[in-house]
PDB file of all heavy atoms in Angstrom:
ATOM      1  N   THR A   1      13.142 -79.579  40.025  1.00  0.00           N
ATOM      2  CA  THR A   1      13.830 -79.940  38.780  1.00  0.00           C
ATOM      3  C   THR A   1      14.629 -78.828  38.277  1.00  0.00           C
ATOM      4  O   THR A   1      14.386 -77.628  38.512  1.00  0.00           O
ATOM      5  CB  THR A   1      12.823 -80.336  37.688  1.00  0.00           C
ATOM      6  OG1 THR A   1      12.072 -79.168  37.210  1.00  0.00           O
ATOM      7  CG2 THR A   1      11.891 -81.444  38.199  1.00  0.00           C
ATOM      8  N   ASP A   2      15.729 -79.125  37.490  1.00  0.00           N
ATOM      9  CA  ASP A   2      16.538 -78.113  36.895  1.00  0.00           C
ATOM     10  C   ASP A   2      15.775 -77.181  35.960  1.00  0.00           C
ATOM     11  O   ASP A   2      15.970 -75.952  35.883  1.00  0.00           O
ATOM     12  CB  ASP A   2      17.724 -78.695  36.185  1.00  0.00           C
ATOM     13  CG  ASP A   2      18.708 -79.362  37.123  1.00  0.00           C
ATOM     14  OD1 ASP A   2      18.604 -79.195  38.313  1.00  0.00           O
ATOM     15  OD2 ASP A   2      19.588 -80.174  36.606  1.00  0.00           O
ATOM     16  N   ASP A   3      14.801 -77.774  35.237  1.00  0.00           N
ATOM     17  CA  ASP A   3      14.046 -77.003  34.241  1.00  0.00           C
ATOM     18  C   ASP A   3      13.186 -76.001  34.984  1.00  0.00           C
ATOM     19  O   ASP A   3      13.069 -74.762  34.544  1.00  0.00           O
ATOM     20  CB  ASP A   3      13.108 -77.940  33.435  1.00  0.00           C
ATOM     21  CG  ASP A   3      13.882 -78.680  32.357  1.00  0.00           C
ATOM     22  OD1 ASP A   3      15.038 -78.315  32.029  1.00  0.00           O
ATOM     23  OD2 ASP A   3      13.336 -79.662  31.854  1.00  0.00           O
ATOM     24  N   GLU A   4      12.528 -76.381  36.080  1.00  0.00           N
ATOM     25  CA  GLU A   4      11.638 -75.506  36.805  1.00  0.00           C
ATOM     26  C   GLU A   4      12.492 -74.313  37.504  1.00  0.00           C
ATOM     27  O   GLU A   4      12.062 -73.206  37.618  1.00  0.00           O
ATOM     28  CB  GLU A   4      10.835 -76.249  37.783  1.00  0.00           C
ATOM     29  CG  GLU A   4       9.732 -77.049  37.093  1.00  0.00           C
ATOM     30  CD  GLU A   4       9.057 -78.053  38.038  1.00  0.00           C
ATOM     31  OE1 GLU A   4       9.787 -78.740  38.817  1.00  0.00           O
ATOM     32  OE2 GLU A   4       7.797 -78.132  38.009  1.00  0.00           O
ATOM     33  N   ILE A   5      13.652 -74.757  38.011  1.00  0.00           N
ATOM     34  CA  ILE A   5      14.542 -73.739  38.574  1.00  0.00           C
ATOM     35  C   ILE A   5      14.951 -72.655  37.580  1.00  0.00           C
ATOM     36  O   ILE A   5      14.878 -71.480  37.775  1.00  0.00           O
ATOM     37  CB  ILE A   5      15.732 -74.351  39.213  1.00  0.00           C
ATOM     38  CG1 ILE A   5      15.355 -75.214  40.488  1.00  0.00           C
ATOM     39  CG2 ILE A   5      16.805 -73.305  39.669  1.00  0.00           C
ATOM     40  CD1 ILE A   5      16.499 -76.032  41.026  1.00  0.00           C
ATOM     41  N   ALA A   6      15.272 -73.107  36.357  1.00  0.00           N
ATOM     42  CA  ALA A   6      15.642 -72.233  35.290  1.00  0.00           C
ATOM     43  C   ALA A   6      14.483 -71.376  34.880  1.00  0.00           C
ATOM     44  O   ALA A   6      14.629 -70.106  34.673  1.00  0.00           O
ATOM     45  CB  ALA A   6      16.121 -73.015  34.071  1.00  0.00           C
ATOM     46  N   THR A   7      13.287 -71.880  34.854  1.00  0.00           N
ATOM     47  CA  THR A   7      12.106 -71.132  34.505  1.00  0.00           C
ATOM     48  C   THR A   7      11.861 -70.000  35.524  1.00  0.00           C
ATOM     49  O   THR A   7      11.601 -68.894  35.175  1.00  0.00           O
ATOM     50  CB  THR A   7      10.869 -72.012  34.397  1.00  0.00           C
ATOM     51  OG1 THR A   7      11.022 -73.002  33.376  1.00  0.00           O
ATOM     52  CG2 THR A   7       9.618 -71.182  34.149  1.00  0.00           C
ATOM     53  N   ALA A   8      11.970 -70.358  36.846  1.00  0.00           N
ATOM     54  CA  ALA A   8      11.720 -69.371  37.858  1.00  0.00           C
ATOM     55  C   ALA A   8      12.834 -68.286  37.823  1.00  0.00           C
ATOM     56  O   ALA A   8      12.538 -67.106  37.964  1.00  0.00           O
ATOM     57  CB  ALA A   8      11.752 -70.078  39.234  1.00  0.00           C
ATOM     58  N   ILE A   9      14.084 -68.668  37.606  1.00  0.00           N
ATOM     59  CA  ILE A   9      15.188 -67.659  37.595  1.00  0.00           C
ATOM     60  C   ILE A   9      15.043 -66.793  36.385  1.00  0.00           C
ATOM     61  O   ILE A   9      15.273 -65.545  36.413  1.00  0.00           O
ATOM     62  CB  ILE A   9      16.531 -68.352  37.700  1.00  0.00           C
ATOM     63  CG1 ILE A   9      16.764 -68.902  39.107  1.00  0.00           C
ATOM     64  CG2 ILE A   9      17.698 -67.369  37.263  1.00  0.00           C
ATOM     65  CD1 ILE A   9      18.075 -69.671  39.238  1.00  0.00           C
ATOM     66  N   ASN A  10      14.821 -67.367  35.196  1.00  0.00           N
ATOM     67  CA  ASN A  10      14.797 -66.604  33.951  1.00  0.00           C
ATOM     68  C   ASN A  10      13.624 -65.593  33.934  1.00  0.00           C
ATOM     69  O   ASN A  10      13.700 -64.548  33.319  1.00  0.00           O
ATOM     70  CB  ASN A  10      14.680 -67.548  32.756  1.00  0.00           C
ATOM     71  CG  ASN A  10      15.983 -68.249  32.544  1.00  0.00           C
ATOM     72  OD1 ASN A  10      17.099 -67.779  32.944  1.00  0.00           O
ATOM     73  ND2 ASN A  10      15.981 -69.426  31.887  1.00  0.00           N
ATOM     74  N   ALA A  11      12.518 -66.004  34.605  1.00  0.00           N
ATOM     75  CA  ALA A  11      11.403 -65.013  34.712  1.00  0.00           C
ATOM     76  C   ALA A  11      11.792 -63.778  35.523  1.00  0.00           C
ATOM     77  O   ALA A  11      11.397 -62.662  35.151  1.00  0.00           O
ATOM     78  CB  ALA A  11      10.232 -65.721  35.434  1.00  0.00           C
ATOM     79  N   LEU A  12      12.706 -63.910  36.506  1.00  0.00           N
ATOM     80  CA  LEU A  12      13.270 -62.768  37.223  1.00  0.00           C
ATOM     81  C   LEU A  12      14.178 -61.978  36.382  1.00  0.00           C
ATOM     82  O   LEU A  12      14.302 -60.740  36.467  1.00  0.00           O
ATOM     83  CB  LEU A  12      13.802 -63.233  38.512  1.00  0.00           C
ATOM     84  CG  LEU A  12      12.844 -63.945  39.522  1.00  0.00           C
ATOM     85  CD1 LEU A  12      13.580 -64.143  40.837  1.00  0.00           C
ATOM     86  CD2 LEU A  12      11.583 -63.192  39.753  1.00  0.00           C
ATOM     87  N   ILE A  13      15.030 -62.631  35.635  1.00  0.00           N
ATOM     88  CA  ILE A  13      15.909 -61.975  34.699  1.00  0.00           C
ATOM     89  C   ILE A  13      15.219 -61.092  33.715  1.00  0.00           C
ATOM     90  O   ILE A  13      15.573 -59.997  33.455  1.00  0.00           O
ATOM     91  CB  ILE A  13      16.880 -62.970  34.005  1.00  0.00           C
ATOM     92  CG1 ILE A  13      17.731 -63.624  35.066  1.00  0.00           C
ATOM     93  CG2 ILE A  13      17.671 -62.335  32.911  1.00  0.00           C
ATOM     94  CD1 ILE A  13      18.624 -64.763  34.508  1.00  0.00           C
ATOM     95  N   ASP A  14      14.018 -61.588  33.226  1.00  0.00           N
ATOM     96  CA  ASP A  14      13.258 -60.893  32.310  1.00  0.00           C
ATOM     97  C   ASP A  14      12.714 -59.558  32.839  1.00  0.00           C
ATOM     98  O   ASP A  14      12.643 -58.553  32.089  1.00  0.00           O
ATOM     99  CB  ASP A  14      12.085 -61.672  31.796  1.00  0.00           C
ATOM    100  CG  ASP A  14      12.563 -62.868  30.872  1.00  0.00           C
ATOM    101  OD1 ASP A  14      13.616 -62.779  30.356  1.00  0.00           O
ATOM    102  OD2 ASP A  14      11.756 -63.822  30.714  1.00  0.00           O
ATOM    103  N   VAL A  15      12.423 -59.547  34.172  1.00  0.00           N
ATOM    104  CA  VAL A  15      11.820 -58.364  34.710  1.00  0.00           C
ATOM    105  C   VAL A  15      12.844 -57.604  35.610  1.00  0.00           C
ATOM    106  O   VAL A  15      12.534 -56.623  36.313  1.00  0.00           O
ATOM    107  CB  VAL A  15      10.565 -58.600  35.563  1.00  0.00           C
ATOM    108  CG1 VAL A  15       9.488 -59.180  34.679  1.00  0.00           C
ATOM    109  CG2 VAL A  15      10.883 -59.593  36.704  1.00  0.00           C
ATOM    110  N   ARG A  16      14.095 -58.049  35.578  1.00  0.00           N
ATOM    111  CA  ARG A  16      15.172 -57.409  36.346  1.00  0.00           C
ATOM    112  C   ARG A  16      14.934 -57.405  37.849  1.00  0.00           C
ATOM    113  O   ARG A  16      15.127 -56.488  38.560  1.00  0.00           O
ATOM    114  CB  ARG A  16      15.450 -55.986  35.810  1.00  0.00           C
ATOM    115  CG  ARG A  16      15.896 -55.972  34.409  1.00  0.00           C
ATOM    116  CD  ARG A  16      16.008 -54.540  33.848  1.00  0.00           C
ATOM    117  NE  ARG A  16      16.933 -53.742  34.623  1.00  0.00           N
ATOM    118  CZ  ARG A  16      18.278 -53.765  34.418  1.00  0.00           C
ATOM    119  NH1 ARG A  16      18.821 -54.554  33.462  1.00  0.00           N
ATOM    120  NH2 ARG A  16      19.095 -52.986  35.078  1.00  0.00           N
ATOM    121  N   GLY A  17      14.450 -58.617  38.298  1.00  0.00           N
ATOM    122  CA  GLY A  17      14.340 -58.809  39.802  1.00  0.00           C
ATOM    123  C   GLY A  17      12.920 -58.846  40.267  1.00  0.00           C
ATOM    124  O   GLY A  17      11.942 -58.300  39.688  1.00  0.00           O
ATOM    125  N   GLY A  18      12.672 -59.690  41.350  1.00  0.00           N
ATOM    126  CA  GLY A  18      11.380 -59.910  41.935  1.00  0.00           C
ATOM    127  C   GLY A  18      11.370 -61.211  42.630  1.00  0.00           C
ATOM    128  O   GLY A  18      12.394 -61.715  43.018  1.00  0.00           O
ATOM    129  N   ILE A  19      10.128 -61.796  42.745  1.00  0.00           N
ATOM    130  CA  ILE A  19       9.964 -63.144  43.241  1.00  0.00           C
ATOM    131  C   ILE A  19       9.109 -63.882  42.296  1.00  0.00           C
ATOM    132  O   ILE A  19       8.268 -63.284  41.567  1.00  0.00           O
ATOM    133  CB  ILE A  19       9.330 -63.170  44.700  1.00  0.00           C
ATOM    134  CG1 ILE A  19       7.922 -62.585  44.657  1.00  0.00           C
ATOM    135  CG2 ILE A  19      10.250 -62.424  45.668  1.00  0.00           C
ATOM    136  CD1 ILE A  19       7.287 -62.734  46.030  1.00  0.00           C
ATOM    137  N   SER A  20       9.268 -65.185  42.236  1.00  0.00           N
ATOM    138  CA  SER A  20       8.525 -66.022  41.182  1.00  0.00           C
ATOM    139  C   SER A  20       8.221 -67.403  41.749  1.00  0.00           C
ATOM    140  O   SER A  20       8.980 -67.905  42.626  1.00  0.00           O
ATOM    141  CB  SER A  20       9.393 -66.126  39.922  1.00  0.00           C
ATOM    142  OG  SER A  20      10.602 -66.826  40.124  1.00  0.00           O
ATOM    143  N   VAL A  21       7.232 -68.008  41.134  1.00  0.00           N
ATOM    144  CA  VAL A  21       6.845 -69.347  41.394  1.00  0.00           C
ATOM    145  C   VAL A  21       6.654 -70.068  40.090  1.00  0.00           C
ATOM    146  O   VAL A  21       5.908 -69.577  39.175  1.00  0.00           O
ATOM    147  CB  VAL A  21       5.541 -69.451  42.246  1.00  0.00           C
ATOM    148  CG1 VAL A  21       5.127 -70.905  42.474  1.00  0.00           C
ATOM    149  CG2 VAL A  21       5.676 -68.689  43.557  1.00  0.00           C
ATOM    150  N   ALA A  22       7.328 -71.128  39.873  1.00  0.00           N
ATOM    151  CA  ALA A  22       7.239 -71.930  38.594  1.00  0.00           C
ATOM    152  C   ALA A  22       6.740 -73.359  38.894  1.00  0.00           C
ATOM    153  O   ALA A  22       7.083 -73.986  39.921  1.00  0.00           O
ATOM    154  CB  ALA A  22       8.550 -71.950  37.923  1.00  0.00           C
ATOM    155  N   GLU A  23       5.861 -73.786  37.971  1.00  0.00           N
ATOM    156  CA  GLU A  23       5.417 -75.168  38.016  1.00  0.00           C
ATOM    157  C   GLU A  23       5.321 -75.663  36.564  1.00  0.00           C
ATOM    158  O   GLU A  23       4.528 -75.110  35.787  1.00  0.00           O
ATOM    159  CB  GLU A  23       4.094 -75.322  38.712  1.00  0.00           C
ATOM    160  CG  GLU A  23       3.633 -76.731  38.791  1.00  0.00           C
ATOM    161  CD  GLU A  23       2.279 -76.997  39.500  1.00  0.00           C
ATOM    162  OE1 GLU A  23       1.542 -75.943  39.672  1.00  0.00           O
ATOM    163  OE2 GLU A  23       1.985 -78.110  39.892  1.00  0.00           O
ATOM    164  N   GLY A  24       6.215 -76.576  36.184  1.00  0.00           N
ATOM    165  CA  GLY A  24       6.290 -76.975  34.796  1.00  0.00           C
ATOM    166  C   GLY A  24       6.759 -75.745  34.026  1.00  0.00           C
ATOM    167  O   GLY A  24       7.778 -75.098  34.399  1.00  0.00           O
ATOM    168  N   ASN A  25       6.106 -75.420  32.892  1.00  0.00           N
ATOM    169  CA  ASN A  25       6.506 -74.244  32.134  1.00  0.00           C
ATOM    170  C   ASN A  25       5.757 -72.932  32.595  1.00  0.00           C
ATOM    171  O   ASN A  25       6.034 -71.873  32.080  1.00  0.00           O
ATOM    172  CB  ASN A  25       6.230 -74.544  30.669  1.00  0.00           C
ATOM    173  CG  ASN A  25       7.114 -75.622  30.098  1.00  0.00           C
ATOM    174  OD1 ASN A  25       8.278 -75.722  30.488  1.00  0.00           O
ATOM    175  ND2 ASN A  25       6.561 -76.470  29.251  1.00  0.00           N
ATOM    176  N   ALA A  26       4.822 -73.138  33.478  1.00  0.00           N
ATOM    177  CA  ALA A  26       4.082 -71.970  33.888  1.00  0.00           C
ATOM    178  C   ALA A  26       4.794 -71.196  35.002  1.00  0.00           C
ATOM    179  O   ALA A  26       5.396 -71.862  35.935  1.00  0.00           O
ATOM    180  CB  ALA A  26       2.681 -72.397  34.440  1.00  0.00           C
ATOM    181  N   VAL A  27       4.757 -69.870  35.015  1.00  0.00           N
ATOM    182  CA  VAL A  27       5.436 -69.117  36.056  1.00  0.00           C
ATOM    183  C   VAL A  27       4.649 -67.836  36.354  1.00  0.00           C
ATOM    184  O   VAL A  27       4.031 -67.190  35.557  1.00  0.00           O
ATOM    185  CB  VAL A  27       6.914 -68.706  35.521  1.00  0.00           C
ATOM    186  CG1 VAL A  27       6.822 -67.892  34.342  1.00  0.00           C
ATOM    187  CG2 VAL A  27       7.695 -68.058  36.663  1.00  0.00           C
ATOM    188  N   ASP A  28       4.591 -67.539  37.690  1.00  0.00           N
ATOM    189  CA  ASP A  28       3.988 -66.313  38.241  1.00  0.00           C
ATOM    190  C   ASP A  28       5.100 -65.452  38.753  1.00  0.00           C
ATOM    191  O   ASP A  28       6.005 -65.934  39.431  1.00  0.00           O
ATOM    192  CB  ASP A  28       2.966 -66.626  39.293  1.00  0.00           C
ATOM    193  CG  ASP A  28       1.679 -67.226  38.759  1.00  0.00           C
ATOM    194  OD1 ASP A  28       1.399 -66.991  37.614  1.00  0.00           O
ATOM    195  OD2 ASP A  28       1.019 -67.962  39.536  1.00  0.00           O
ATOM    196  N   VAL A  29       5.019 -64.118  38.515  1.00  0.00           N
ATOM    197  CA  VAL A  29       6.155 -63.222  38.906  1.00  0.00           C
ATOM    198  C   VAL A  29       5.577 -61.964  39.599  1.00  0.00           C
ATOM    199  O   VAL A  29       4.559 -61.410  39.193  1.00  0.00           O
ATOM    200  CB  VAL A  29       6.946 -62.827  37.714  1.00  0.00           C
ATOM    201  CG1 VAL A  29       8.055 -61.886  38.136  1.00  0.00           C
ATOM    202  CG2 VAL A  29       7.494 -64.031  37.012  1.00  0.00           C
ATOM    203  N   LEU A  30       6.175 -61.554  40.670  1.00  0.00           N
ATOM    204  CA  LEU A  30       5.970 -60.276  41.206  1.00  0.00           C
ATOM    205  C   LEU A  30       7.215 -59.402  40.952  1.00  0.00           C
ATOM    206  O   LEU A  30       8.252 -59.636  41.575  1.00  0.00           O
ATOM    207  CB  LEU A  30       5.764 -60.311  42.738  1.00  0.00           C
ATOM    208  CG  LEU A  30       5.757 -58.929  43.442  1.00  0.00           C
ATOM    209  CD1 LEU A  30       4.698 -57.954  42.942  1.00  0.00           C
ATOM    210  CD2 LEU A  30       5.532 -59.171  44.970  1.00  0.00           C
ATOM    211  N   PRO A  31       7.223 -58.533  39.926  1.00  0.00           N
ATOM    212  CA  PRO A  31       8.398 -57.723  39.568  1.00  0.00           C
ATOM    213  C   PRO A  31       8.715 -56.738  40.778  1.00  0.00           C
ATOM    214  O   PRO A  31       7.872 -56.152  41.372  1.00  0.00           O
ATOM    215  CB  PRO A  31       7.996 -56.998  38.363  1.00  0.00           C
ATOM    216  CG  PRO A  31       6.807 -57.609  37.833  1.00  0.00           C
ATOM    217  CD  PRO A  31       6.132 -58.198  38.997  1.00  0.00           C
ATOM    218  N   LEU A  32      10.015 -56.587  41.004  1.00  0.00           N
ATOM    219  CA  LEU A  32      10.534 -55.547  41.927  1.00  0.00           C
ATOM    220  C   LEU A  32      11.603 -54.747  41.190  1.00  0.00           C
ATOM    221  O   LEU A  32      12.778 -54.941  41.276  1.00  0.00           O
ATOM    222  CB  LEU A  32      11.123 -56.293  43.128  1.00  0.00           C
ATOM    223  CG  LEU A  32      10.177 -57.141  44.008  1.00  0.00           C
ATOM    224  CD1 LEU A  32      10.939 -57.817  45.063  1.00  0.00           C
ATOM    225  CD2 LEU A  32       9.099 -56.230  44.585  1.00  0.00           C
ATOM    226  N   PRO A  33      11.116 -53.708  40.428  1.00  0.00           N
ATOM    227  CA  PRO A  33      12.030 -53.050  39.548  1.00  0.00           C
ATOM    228  C   PRO A  33      13.023 -52.112  40.140  1.00  0.00           C
ATOM    229  O   PRO A  33      14.002 -51.834  39.476  1.00  0.00           O
ATOM    230  CB  PRO A  33      11.040 -52.229  38.652  1.00  0.00           C
ATOM    231  CG  PRO A  33       9.792 -51.995  39.514  1.00  0.00           C
ATOM    232  CD  PRO A  33       9.674 -53.305  40.307  1.00  0.00           C
ATOM    233  N   ILE A  34      12.857 -51.712  41.381  1.00  0.00           N
ATOM    234  CA  ILE A  34      13.799 -50.868  42.034  1.00  0.00           C
ATOM    235  C   ILE A  34      14.847 -51.745  42.780  1.00  0.00           C
ATOM    236  O   ILE A  34      14.550 -52.268  43.784  1.00  0.00           O
ATOM    237  CB  ILE A  34      13.172 -49.895  43.067  1.00  0.00           C
ATOM    238  CG1 ILE A  34      12.082 -49.074  42.373  1.00  0.00           C
ATOM    239  CG2 ILE A  34      14.181 -48.967  43.738  1.00  0.00           C
ATOM    240  CD1 ILE A  34      11.219 -48.236  43.287  1.00  0.00           C
ATOM    241  N   ALA A  35      16.018 -51.795  42.185  1.00  0.00           N
ATOM    242  CA  ALA A  35      17.149 -52.655  42.638  1.00  0.00           C
ATOM    243  C   ALA A  35      16.786 -54.102  42.824  1.00  0.00           C
ATOM    244  O   ALA A  35      17.522 -54.839  43.453  1.00  0.00           O
ATOM    245  CB  ALA A  35      17.610 -52.061  43.978  1.00  0.00           C
ATOM    246  N   GLY A  36      15.701 -54.577  42.226  1.00  0.00           N
ATOM    247  CA  GLY A  36      15.296 -55.936  42.371  1.00  0.00           C
ATOM    248  C   GLY A  36      14.775 -56.264  43.833  1.00  0.00           C
ATOM    249  O   GLY A  36      14.662 -57.364  44.137  1.00  0.00           O
ATOM    250  N   LEU A  37      14.549 -55.142  44.539  1.00  0.00           N
ATOM    251  CA  LEU A  37      14.118 -55.313  46.031  1.00  0.00           C
ATOM    252  C   LEU A  37      12.826 -54.653  46.299  1.00  0.00           C
ATOM    253  O   LEU A  37      12.193 -55.035  47.296  1.00  0.00           O
ATOM    254  CB  LEU A  37      15.202 -54.719  46.877  1.00  0.00           C
ATOM    255  CG  LEU A  37      16.657 -55.157  46.733  1.00  0.00           C
ATOM    256  CD1 LEU A  37      17.623 -54.423  47.624  1.00  0.00           C
ATOM    257  CD2 LEU A  37      16.717 -56.652  47.120  1.00  0.00           C
ATOM    258  N   MET A  38      12.432 -53.590  45.520  1.00  0.00           N
ATOM    259  CA  MET A  38      11.319 -52.795  45.916  1.00  0.00           C
ATOM    260  C   MET A  38      10.434 -52.629  44.672  1.00  0.00           C
ATOM    261  O   MET A  38      10.896 -52.704  43.497  1.00  0.00           O
ATOM    262  CB  MET A  38      11.756 -51.467  46.478  1.00  0.00           C
ATOM    263  CG  MET A  38      12.433 -51.557  47.839  1.00  0.00           C
ATOM    264  SD  MET A  38      13.128 -49.986  48.345  1.00  0.00           S
ATOM    265  CE  MET A  38      14.593 -49.925  47.330  1.00  0.00           C
ATOM    266  N   SER A  39       9.199 -52.297  44.910  1.00  0.00           N
ATOM    267  CA  SER A  39       8.211 -51.989  43.850  1.00  0.00           C
ATOM    268  C   SER A  39       7.856 -50.488  43.835  1.00  0.00           C
ATOM    269  O   SER A  39       7.925 -49.839  44.866  1.00  0.00           O
ATOM    270  CB  SER A  39       6.920 -52.766  44.057  1.00  0.00           C
ATOM    271  OG  SER A  39       5.990 -52.478  43.117  1.00  0.00           O
ATOM    272  N   ASP A  40       7.533 -50.012  42.647  1.00  0.00           N
ATOM    273  CA  ASP A  40       7.052 -48.623  42.520  1.00  0.00           C
ATOM    274  C   ASP A  40       5.578 -48.567  42.465  1.00  0.00           C
ATOM    275  O   ASP A  40       4.942 -47.512  42.147  1.00  0.00           O
ATOM    276  CB  ASP A  40       7.655 -47.950  41.250  1.00  0.00           C
ATOM    277  CG  ASP A  40       7.404 -48.752  39.995  1.00  0.00           C
ATOM    278  OD1 ASP A  40       6.857 -49.908  40.100  1.00  0.00           O
ATOM    279  OD2 ASP A  40       7.633 -48.246  38.918  1.00  0.00           O
ATOM    280  N   ARG A  41       4.895 -49.708  42.728  1.00  0.00           N
ATOM    281  CA  ARG A  41       3.417 -49.666  42.776  1.00  0.00           C
ATOM    282  C   ARG A  41       2.862 -49.454  44.159  1.00  0.00           C
ATOM    283  O   ARG A  41       3.643 -49.432  45.133  1.00  0.00           O
ATOM    284  CB  ARG A  41       2.994 -51.057  42.222  1.00  0.00           C
ATOM    285  CG  ARG A  41       3.306 -51.304  40.778  1.00  0.00           C
ATOM    286  CD  ARG A  41       3.115 -52.779  40.398  1.00  0.00           C
ATOM    287  NE  ARG A  41       1.859 -53.327  40.765  1.00  0.00           N
ATOM    288  CZ  ARG A  41       1.637 -54.703  40.865  1.00  0.00           C
ATOM    289  NH1 ARG A  41       2.627 -55.538  40.731  1.00  0.00           N
ATOM    290  NH2 ARG A  41       0.440 -55.126  41.262  1.00  0.00           N
ATOM    291  N   ASP A  42       1.574 -49.247  44.229  1.00  0.00           N
ATOM    292  CA  ASP A  42       0.907 -49.060  45.538  1.00  0.00           C
ATOM    293  C   ASP A  42       1.132 -50.236  46.463  1.00  0.00           C
ATOM    294  O   ASP A  42       1.049 -51.467  46.040  1.00  0.00           O
ATOM    295  CB  ASP A  42      -0.665 -48.879  45.303  1.00  0.00           C
ATOM    296  CG  ASP A  42      -1.399 -48.746  46.600  1.00  0.00           C
ATOM    297  OD1 ASP A  42      -1.381 -47.616  47.164  1.00  0.00           O
ATOM    298  OD2 ASP A  42      -1.940 -49.707  47.095  1.00  0.00           O
TER     299      ASP A  42
END
């Protein structure tokens, strides 16, 4: 759905890049703060 696509994309905009999974209004995100490609975590 367009709503779920927007939820998934906007979650990435909020963290400046990463990967996300949206279902309804719920969304899970793995932020990738370095260039939207890499993480600074372990």
